[in-house]
PDB file of N, CA and C in Angstrom:
ATOM      1  N   MET A   1     171.025 101.804  94.493  1.00  0.00           N
ATOM      2  CA  MET A   1     170.312 101.988  93.241  1.00  0.00           C
ATOM      3  C   MET A   1     170.384 100.709  92.424  1.00  0.00           C
ATOM      4  N   ALA A   2     169.286 100.296  91.884  1.00  0.00           N
ATOM      5  CA  ALA A   2     169.232  99.127  91.009  1.00  0.00           C
ATOM      6  C   ALA A   2     169.010  99.594  89.581  1.00  0.00           C
ATOM      7  N   LYS A   3     169.242  98.703  88.643  1.00  0.00           N
ATOM      8  CA  LYS A   3     168.970  98.960  87.247  1.00  0.00           C
ATOM      9  C   LYS A   3     167.703  98.198  86.864  1.00  0.00           C
ATOM     10  N   VAL A   4     166.795  98.831  86.140  1.00  0.00           N
ATOM     11  CA  VAL A   4     165.580  98.187  85.647  1.00  0.00           C
ATOM     12  C   VAL A   4     165.472  98.449  84.144  1.00  0.00           C
ATOM     13  N   VAL A   5     164.799  97.530  83.448  1.00  0.00           N
ATOM     14  CA  VAL A   5     164.532  97.715  82.014  1.00  0.00           C
ATOM     15  C   VAL A   5     163.113  98.225  81.894  1.00  0.00           C
ATOM     16  N   ARG A   6     162.977  99.402  81.261  1.00  0.00           N
ATOM     17  CA  ARG A   6     161.670 100.024  81.091  1.00  0.00           C
ATOM     18  C   ARG A   6     161.517 100.503  79.652  1.00  0.00           C
ATOM     19  N   PHE A   7     160.257 100.783  79.272  1.00  0.00           N
ATOM     20  CA  PHE A   7     160.020 101.399  77.968  1.00  0.00           C
ATOM     21  C   PHE A   7     158.987 102.472  78.125  1.00  0.00           C
ATOM     22  N   HIS A   8     159.187 103.589  77.388  1.00  0.00           N
ATOM     23  CA  HIS A   8     158.336 104.766  77.471  1.00  0.00           C
ATOM     24  C   HIS A   8     157.444 104.892  76.244  1.00  0.00           C
ATOM     25  N   GLU A   9     157.585 103.955  75.312  1.00  0.00           N
ATOM     26  CA  GLU A   9     156.737 103.907  74.112  1.00  0.00           C
ATOM     27  C   GLU A   9     156.663 102.450  73.664  1.00  0.00           C
ATOM     28  N   LEU A  10     155.667 102.117  72.905  1.00  0.00           N
ATOM     29  CA  LEU A  10     155.536 100.751  72.404  1.00  0.00           C
ATOM     30  C   LEU A  10     156.459 100.576  71.218  1.00  0.00           C
ATOM     31  N   GLY A  11     156.940  99.340  71.017  1.00  0.00           N
ATOM     32  CA  GLY A  11     157.761  99.070  69.873  1.00  0.00           C
ATOM     33  C   GLY A  11     158.708  97.904  70.046  1.00  0.00           C
ATOM     34  N   GLY A  12     159.718  97.848  69.212  1.00  0.00           N
ATOM     35  CA  GLY A  12     160.703  96.777  69.229  1.00  0.00           C
ATOM     36  C   GLY A  12     161.739  96.977  70.306  1.00  0.00           C
ATOM     37  N   PRO A  13     162.809  96.200  70.247  1.00  0.00           N
ATOM     38  CA  PRO A  13     163.844  96.272  71.282  1.00  0.00           C
ATOM     39  C   PRO A  13     164.510  97.642  71.399  1.00  0.00           C
ATOM     40  N   GLU A  14     164.418  98.469  70.367  1.00  0.00           N
ATOM     41  CA  GLU A  14     165.036  99.798  70.443  1.00  0.00           C
ATOM     42  C   GLU A  14     164.384 100.710  71.456  1.00  0.00           C
ATOM     43  N   VAL A  15     163.160 100.388  71.931  1.00  0.00           N
ATOM     44  CA  VAL A  15     162.497 101.256  72.916  1.00  0.00           C
ATOM     45  C   VAL A  15     162.903 100.932  74.336  1.00  0.00           C
ATOM     46  N   LEU A  16     163.625  99.842  74.558  1.00  0.00           N
ATOM     47  CA  LEU A  16     164.024  99.449  75.900  1.00  0.00           C
ATOM     48  C   LEU A  16     165.117 100.388  76.434  1.00  0.00           C
ATOM     49  N   ARG A  17     164.981 100.745  77.697  1.00  0.00           N
ATOM     50  CA  ARG A  17     165.985 101.617  78.349  1.00  0.00           C
ATOM     51  C   ARG A  17     166.390 101.006  79.662  1.00  0.00           C
ATOM     52  N   LEU A  18     167.653 101.126  79.979  1.00  0.00           N
ATOM     53  CA  LEU A  18     168.163 100.686  81.266  1.00  0.00           C
ATOM     54  C   LEU A  18     168.197 101.910  82.173  1.00  0.00           C
ATOM     55  N   GLU A  19     167.428 101.871  83.268  1.00  0.00           N
ATOM     56  CA  GLU A  19     167.275 103.047  84.139  1.00  0.00           C
ATOM     57  C   GLU A  19     167.616 102.683  85.590  1.00  0.00           C
ATOM     58  N   ASP A  20     168.023 103.704  86.353  1.00  0.00           N
ATOM     59  CA  ASP A  20     168.234 103.536  87.797  1.00  0.00           C
ATOM     60  C   ASP A  20     166.882 103.535  88.497  1.00  0.00           C
ATOM     61  N   HIS A  21     166.810 102.740  89.546  1.00  0.00           N
ATOM     62  CA  HIS A  21     165.533 102.636  90.300  1.00  0.00           C
ATOM     63  C   HIS A  21     165.894 102.455  91.785  1.00  0.00           C
ATOM     64  N   ASP A  22     165.292 103.247  92.645  1.00  0.00           N
ATOM     65  CA  ASP A  22     165.495 103.124  94.084  1.00  0.00           C
ATOM     66  C   ASP A  22     164.594 102.005  94.604  1.00  0.00           C
ATOM     67  N   LEU A  23     165.202 100.989  95.206  1.00  0.00           N
ATOM     68  CA  LEU A  23     164.439  99.838  95.658  1.00  0.00           C
ATOM     69  C   LEU A  23     163.789 100.046  97.022  1.00  0.00           C
ATOM     70  N   GLY A  24     164.290 100.945  97.811  1.00  0.00           N
ATOM     71  CA  GLY A  24     163.766 101.095  99.141  1.00  0.00           C
ATOM     72  C   GLY A  24     164.210  99.950 100.039  1.00  0.00           C
ATOM     73  N   VAL A  25     163.536  99.819 101.148  1.00  0.00           N
ATOM     74  CA  VAL A  25     163.860  98.787 102.145  1.00  0.00           C
ATOM     75  C   VAL A  25     162.805  97.692 102.095  1.00  0.00           C
ATOM     76  N   PRO A  26     163.207  96.407 102.107  1.00  0.00           N
ATOM     77  CA  PRO A  26     162.204  95.340 102.115  1.00  0.00           C
ATOM     78  C   PRO A  26     161.297  95.437 103.338  1.00  0.00           C
ATOM     79  N   GLY A  27     160.016  95.152 103.152  1.00  0.00           N
ATOM     80  CA  GLY A  27     159.048  95.180 104.230  1.00  0.00           C
ATOM     81  C   GLY A  27     158.949  93.815 104.898  1.00  0.00           C
ATOM     82  N   PRO A  28     158.039  93.664 105.859  1.00  0.00           N
ATOM     83  CA  PRO A  28     157.852  92.383 106.530  1.00  0.00           C
ATOM     84  C   PRO A  28     157.509  91.282 105.537  1.00  0.00           C
ATOM     85  N   GLY A  29     158.178  90.158 105.621  1.00  0.00           N
ATOM     86  CA  GLY A  29     157.938  89.042 104.755  1.00  0.00           C
ATOM     87  C   GLY A  29     158.543  89.171 103.362  1.00  0.00           C
ATOM     88  N   GLU A  30     159.355  90.217 103.128  1.00  0.00           N
ATOM     89  CA  GLU A  30     159.999  90.427 101.834  1.00  0.00           C
ATOM     90  C   GLU A  30     161.517  90.238 101.966  1.00  0.00           C
ATOM     91  N   VAL A  31     162.155  89.932 100.862  1.00  0.00           N
ATOM     92  CA  VAL A  31     163.628  89.812 100.821  1.00  0.00           C
ATOM     93  C   VAL A  31     164.139  90.644  99.645  1.00  0.00           C
ATOM     94  N   LEU A  32     165.393  91.024  99.704  1.00  0.00           N
ATOM     95  CA  LEU A  32     166.024  91.757  98.622  1.00  0.00           C
ATOM     96  C   LEU A  32     167.047  90.808  97.984  1.00  0.00           C
ATOM     97  N   LEU A  33     166.873  90.571  96.659  1.00  0.00           N
ATOM     98  CA  LEU A  33     167.741  89.653  95.940  1.00  0.00           C
ATOM     99  C   LEU A  33     168.644  90.429  95.012  1.00  0.00           C
ATOM    100  N   ASP A  34     169.867  89.948  94.829  1.00  0.00           N
ATOM    101  CA  ASP A  34     170.796  90.550  93.902  1.00  0.00           C
ATOM    102  C   ASP A  34     170.749  89.737  92.618  1.00  0.00           C
ATOM    103  N   VAL A  35     170.124  90.267  91.565  1.00  0.00           N
ATOM    104  CA  VAL A  35     169.968  89.580  90.289  1.00  0.00           C
ATOM    105  C   VAL A  35     171.136  90.005  89.381  1.00  0.00           C
ATOM    106  N   GLU A  36     171.822  89.039  88.842  1.00  0.00           N
ATOM    107  CA  GLU A  36     173.008  89.359  88.006  1.00  0.00           C
ATOM    108  C   GLU A  36     172.691  89.267  86.516  1.00  0.00           C
ATOM    109  N   ALA A  37     171.593  88.665  86.132  1.00  0.00           N
ATOM    110  CA  ALA A  37     171.263  88.542  84.725  1.00  0.00           C
ATOM    111  C   ALA A  37     169.766  88.358  84.592  1.00  0.00           C
ATOM    112  N   ILE A  38     169.211  88.794  83.451  1.00  0.00           N
ATOM    113  CA  ILE A  38     167.800  88.570  83.166  1.00  0.00           C
ATOM    114  C   ILE A  38     167.700  87.996  81.761  1.00  0.00           C
ATOM    115  N   GLY A  39     166.570  87.444  81.471  1.00  0.00           N
ATOM    116  CA  GLY A  39     166.279  86.963  80.099  1.00  0.00           C
ATOM    117  C   GLY A  39     164.910  87.477  79.705  1.00  0.00           C
ATOM    118  N   LEU A  40     164.754  87.721  78.419  1.00  0.00           N
ATOM    119  CA  LEU A  40     163.478  88.163  77.905  1.00  0.00           C
ATOM    120  C   LEU A  40     162.897  87.052  77.063  1.00  0.00           C
ATOM    121  N   ASN A  41     161.590  86.849  77.180  1.00  0.00           N
ATOM    122  CA  ASN A  41     160.948  85.789  76.391  1.00  0.00           C
ATOM    123  C   ASN A  41     159.943  86.383  75.428  1.00  0.00           C
ATOM    124  N   ARG A  42     159.333  85.542  74.647  1.00  0.00           N
ATOM    125  CA  ARG A  42     158.395  86.019  73.619  1.00  0.00           C
ATOM    126  C   ARG A  42     157.234  86.792  74.227  1.00  0.00           C
ATOM    127  N   SER A  43     156.706  86.322  75.348  1.00  0.00           N
ATOM    128  CA  SER A  43     155.605  87.032  75.988  1.00  0.00           C
ATOM    129  C   SER A  43     155.971  88.480  76.331  1.00  0.00           C
ATOM    130  N   GLU A  44     157.160  88.695  76.843  1.00  0.00           N
ATOM    131  CA  GLU A  44     157.610  90.039  77.171  1.00  0.00           C
ATOM    132  C   GLU A  44     157.793  90.910  75.920  1.00  0.00           C
ATOM    133  N   ALA A  45     158.291  90.291  74.854  1.00  0.00           N
ATOM    134  CA  ALA A  45     158.416  91.015  73.592  1.00  0.00           C
ATOM    135  C   ALA A  45     157.043  91.426  73.043  1.00  0.00           C
ATOM    136  N   GLU A  46     156.075  90.531  73.151  1.00  0.00           N
ATOM    137  CA  GLU A  46     154.736  90.880  72.678  1.00  0.00           C
ATOM    138  C   GLU A  46     154.061  91.901  73.598  1.00  0.00           C
ATOM    139  N   PHE A  47     154.322  91.821  74.905  1.00  0.00           N
ATOM    140  CA  PHE A  47     153.788  92.820  75.830  1.00  0.00           C
ATOM    141  C   PHE A  47     154.317  94.196  75.487  1.00  0.00           C
ATOM    142  N   ARG A  48     155.601  94.304  75.215  1.00  0.00           N
ATOM    143  CA  ARG A  48     156.223  95.581  74.889  1.00  0.00           C
ATOM    144  C   ARG A  48     155.638  96.179  73.622  1.00  0.00           C
ATOM    145  N   GLN A  49     155.106  95.335  72.744  1.00  0.00           N
ATOM    146  CA  GLN A  49     154.479  95.790  71.508  1.00  0.00           C
ATOM    147  C   GLN A  49     152.942  95.890  71.645  1.00  0.00           C
ATOM    148  N   ASP A  50     152.443  95.710  72.852  1.00  0.00           N
ATOM    149  CA  ASP A  50     151.000  95.766  73.167  1.00  0.00           C
ATOM    150  C   ASP A  50     150.204  94.738  72.357  1.00  0.00           C
ATOM    151  N   ARG A  51     150.811  93.532  72.213  1.00  0.00           N
ATOM    152  CA  ARG A  51     150.121  92.460  71.488  1.00  0.00           C
ATOM    153  C   ARG A  51     149.958  91.201  72.372  1.00  0.00           C
ATOM    154  N   TYR A  52     150.025  91.352  73.673  1.00  0.00           N
ATOM    155  CA  TYR A  52     149.942  90.213  74.614  1.00  0.00           C
ATOM    156  C   TYR A  52     148.542  90.194  75.211  1.00  0.00           C
ATOM    157  N   LEU A  53     148.185  89.118  75.893  1.00  0.00           N
ATOM    158  CA  LEU A  53     146.877  88.988  76.545  1.00  0.00           C
ATOM    159  C   LEU A  53     146.663  90.137  77.537  1.00  0.00           C
ATOM    160  N   ASP A  54     147.640  90.400  78.388  1.00  0.00           N
ATOM    161  CA  ASP A  54     147.574  91.547  79.293  1.00  0.00           C
ATOM    162  C   ASP A  54     148.114  92.747  78.529  1.00  0.00           C
ATOM    163  N   ARG A  55     147.342  93.817  78.477  1.00  0.00           N
ATOM    164  CA  ARG A  55     147.729  94.988  77.718  1.00  0.00           C
ATOM    165  C   ARG A  55     148.550  95.943  78.572  1.00  0.00           C
ATOM    166  N   VAL A  56     149.347  96.747  77.943  1.00  0.00           N
ATOM    167  CA  VAL A  56     150.078  97.810  78.634  1.00  0.00           C
ATOM    168  C   VAL A  56     149.059  98.798  79.157  1.00  0.00           C
ATOM    169  N   ARG A  57     149.068  99.044  80.470  1.00  0.00           N
ATOM    170  CA  ARG A  57     148.070  99.920  81.087  1.00  0.00           C
ATOM    171  C   ARG A  57     148.495 101.374  81.109  1.00  0.00           C
ATOM    172  N   ALA A  58     149.811 101.605  81.257  1.00  0.00           N
ATOM    173  CA  ALA A  58     150.324 102.981  81.317  1.00  0.00           C
ATOM    174  C   ALA A  58     151.790 102.960  80.954  1.00  0.00           C
ATOM    175  N   LEU A  59     152.247 104.054  80.415  1.00  0.00           N
ATOM    176  CA  LEU A  59     153.663 104.218  80.099  1.00  0.00           C
ATOM    177  C   LEU A  59     154.250 105.293  81.026  1.00  0.00           C
ATOM    178  N   PRO A  60     155.493 105.168  81.458  1.00  0.00           N
ATOM    179  CA  PRO A  60     156.404 104.099  81.135  1.00  0.00           C
ATOM    180  C   PRO A  60     155.980 102.803  81.833  1.00  0.00           C
ATOM    181  N   SER A  61     156.431 101.680  81.276  1.00  0.00           N
ATOM    182  CA  SER A  61     156.135 100.388  81.817  1.00  0.00           C
ATOM    183  C   SER A  61     157.440  99.580  81.839  1.00  0.00           C
ATOM    184  N   GLY A  62     157.375  98.385  82.337  1.00  0.00           N
ATOM    185  CA  GLY A  62     158.553  97.543  82.438  1.00  0.00           C
ATOM    186  C   GLY A  62     158.238  96.114  82.057  1.00  0.00           C
ATOM    187  N   LEU A  63     159.236  95.303  82.126  1.00  0.00           N
ATOM    188  CA  LEU A  63     159.076  93.891  81.793  1.00  0.00           C
ATOM    189  C   LEU A  63     158.986  93.058  83.056  1.00  0.00           C
ATOM    190  N   GLY A  64     158.389  91.892  82.964  1.00  0.00           N
ATOM    191  CA  GLY A  64     158.290  91.007  84.095  1.00  0.00           C
ATOM    192  C   GLY A  64     157.002  91.205  84.873  1.00  0.00           C
ATOM    193  N   TRP A  65     156.896  90.509  85.996  1.00  0.00           N
ATOM    194  CA  TRP A  65     155.669  90.512  86.783  1.00  0.00           C
ATOM    195  C   TRP A  65     155.336  91.852  87.392  1.00  0.00           C
ATOM    196  N   ARG A  66     156.335  92.613  87.851  1.00  0.00           N
ATOM    197  CA  ARG A  66     156.085  93.878  88.543  1.00  0.00           C
ATOM    198  C   ARG A  66     156.214  95.075  87.599  1.00  0.00           C
ATOM    199  N   CYS A  67     155.549  95.027  86.472  1.00  0.00           N
ATOM    200  CA  CYS A  67     155.618  96.090  85.490  1.00  0.00           C
ATOM    201  C   CYS A  67     155.211  97.392  86.082  1.00  0.00           C
TER     202      CYS A  67
END
């Protein structure tokens, strides 16, 4: 089980939740990395508030490229 940061509503940092997520098994051409820390930037903060170029398409959503 991995931990992911997700949000179920739009808003400030108080809407962020740390949740368990089943990663499954990597497929052909994929690798599984162990990430020990993450950072949030302004773009992700604006995305979480639905004020970024790419809009939130559905909730719950997450941060980073694989939202």
